[in-house]
Amino acid sequence: MPTAILRALGFESRASPLAILTRALRDQHALILLDNFEQVVGAAPVVAQLLAAAPHLIILVTSRAPIAPHVRAGIRRSATGTPASSARRAS
């Protein structure tokens, strides 16, 4: 998934796509939409890493299938200290 996001942003993926992506997004105000997340639900740890590394990043995730509670908990982390109740209202 990091490679696909890098390509969408116009970056080339040479070394570690996740490292390049976190450096590129670290100080950016950005919104990433991950549609049909049920197809890449295994990428939830990557989403959590991106959110932790980029405090101004918002990732909107859609899914046609329910996402397991342990996966939702993993991607509801926020480096800005947003309470989980706020994250629930936004999803």
Protein backbone atom coordinates (compact mmCIF):
# COMPACT_ATOMS: atom_id res chain seq x y z
CA MET A 1 0.00 0.00 0.00
CA PRO A 2 2.74 2.58 0.70
CA THR A 3 4.04 2.09 -2.84
CA ALA A 4 0.58 2.80 -4.30
CA ILE A 5 0.24 5.98 -2.22
CA LEU A 6 3.72 7.12 -3.27
CA ARG A 7 2.83 6.63 -6.94
CA ALA A 8 -0.43 8.54 -6.50
CA LEU A 9 1.56 11.43 -4.99
CA GLY A 10 4.07 11.37 -7.85
CA PHE A 11 7.01 9.88 -5.94
CA GLU A 12 9.25 7.06 -7.10
CA SER A 13 9.68 4.17 -4.72
CA ARG A 14 13.35 3.19 -4.58
CA ALA A 15 14.20 2.15 -1.05
CA SER A 16 11.66 1.76 1.73
CA PRO A 17 8.29 3.09 0.49
CA LEU A 18 7.00 3.57 4.05
CA ALA A 19 10.10 5.55 5.11
CA ILE A 20 9.85 7.77 2.03
CA LEU A 21 6.14 8.29 2.60
CA THR A 22 6.48 9.18 6.29
CA ARG A 23 9.24 11.70 5.51
CA ALA A 24 7.18 13.22 2.69
CA LEU A 25 4.03 13.56 4.81
CA ARG A 26 5.61 14.40 8.18
CA ASP A 27 4.99 18.17 7.96
CA GLN A 28 2.23 18.20 5.34
CA HIS A 29 -1.45 18.91 5.83
CA ALA A 30 -2.93 16.13 3.74
CA LEU A 31 -5.97 13.92 3.32
CA ILE A 32 -5.62 10.37 2.01
CA LEU A 33 -8.73 8.43 1.04
CA LEU A 34 -8.46 4.66 1.23
CA ASP A 35 -11.57 3.32 -0.50
CA ASN A 36 -12.60 -0.34 -0.18
CA PHE A 37 -10.26 -0.85 2.75
CA GLU A 38 -11.64 -4.36 3.23
CA GLN A 39 -9.41 -5.39 0.33
CA VAL A 40 -6.23 -4.22 2.10
CA VAL A 41 -7.24 -4.52 5.76
CA GLY A 42 -3.82 -6.05 6.49
CA ALA A 43 -2.39 -2.59 5.90
CA ALA A 44 -3.94 -1.23 9.11
CA PRO A 45 -0.52 -1.15 10.88
CA VAL A 46 0.84 0.96 8.00
CA VAL A 47 -2.06 3.40 8.40
CA ALA A 48 -1.33 3.62 12.13
CA GLN A 49 2.37 4.28 11.44
CA LEU A 50 1.54 7.05 8.97
CA LEU A 51 -0.83 8.71 11.43
CA ALA A 52 1.77 8.55 14.19
CA ALA A 53 4.50 9.98 11.95
CA ALA A 54 2.45 12.76 10.35
CA PRO A 55 0.43 14.77 12.90
CA HIS A 56 -1.40 16.80 10.23
CA LEU A 57 -2.38 13.79 8.15
CA ILE A 58 -5.99 12.67 7.92
CA ILE A 59 -6.76 9.25 6.50
CA LEU A 60 -10.37 8.54 5.56
CA VAL A 61 -11.08 4.82 5.28
CA THR A 62 -14.17 3.36 3.63
CA SER A 63 -15.18 -0.27 3.58
CA ARG A 64 -18.12 -2.24 2.23
CA ALA A 65 -17.55 -4.88 4.90
CA PRO A 66 -17.37 -4.30 8.64
CA ILE A 67 -13.82 -3.79 9.85
CA ALA A 68 -12.91 -5.90 12.88
CA PRO A 69 -12.76 -3.96 16.17
CA HIS A 70 -9.05 -4.75 16.74
CA VAL A 71 -8.27 -3.29 13.30
CA ARG A 72 -10.35 -0.15 13.96
CA ALA A 73 -8.57 0.32 17.28
CA GLY A 74 -5.21 0.08 15.54
CA ILE A 75 -5.98 2.80 13.03
CA ARG A 76 -7.72 5.20 15.42
CA ARG A 77 -4.45 6.39 16.86
CA SER A 78 -3.70 10.05 16.66
CA ALA A 79 -0.43 11.85 17.22
CA THR A 80 -2.40 15.01 18.02
CA GLY A 81 -4.00 13.43 21.07
CA THR A 82 -7.53 13.39 19.67
CA PRO A 83 -9.70 11.34 22.01
CA ALA A 84 -11.06 8.09 20.62
CA SER A 85 -14.62 9.43 21.06
CA SER A 86 -13.86 12.20 18.56
CA ALA A 87 -12.43 9.66 16.14
CA ARG A 88 -15.59 7.58 16.41
CA ARG A 89 -17.81 10.56 15.58
CA ALA A 90 -15.68 11.37 12.54
CA SER A 91 -15.85 7.85 11.10
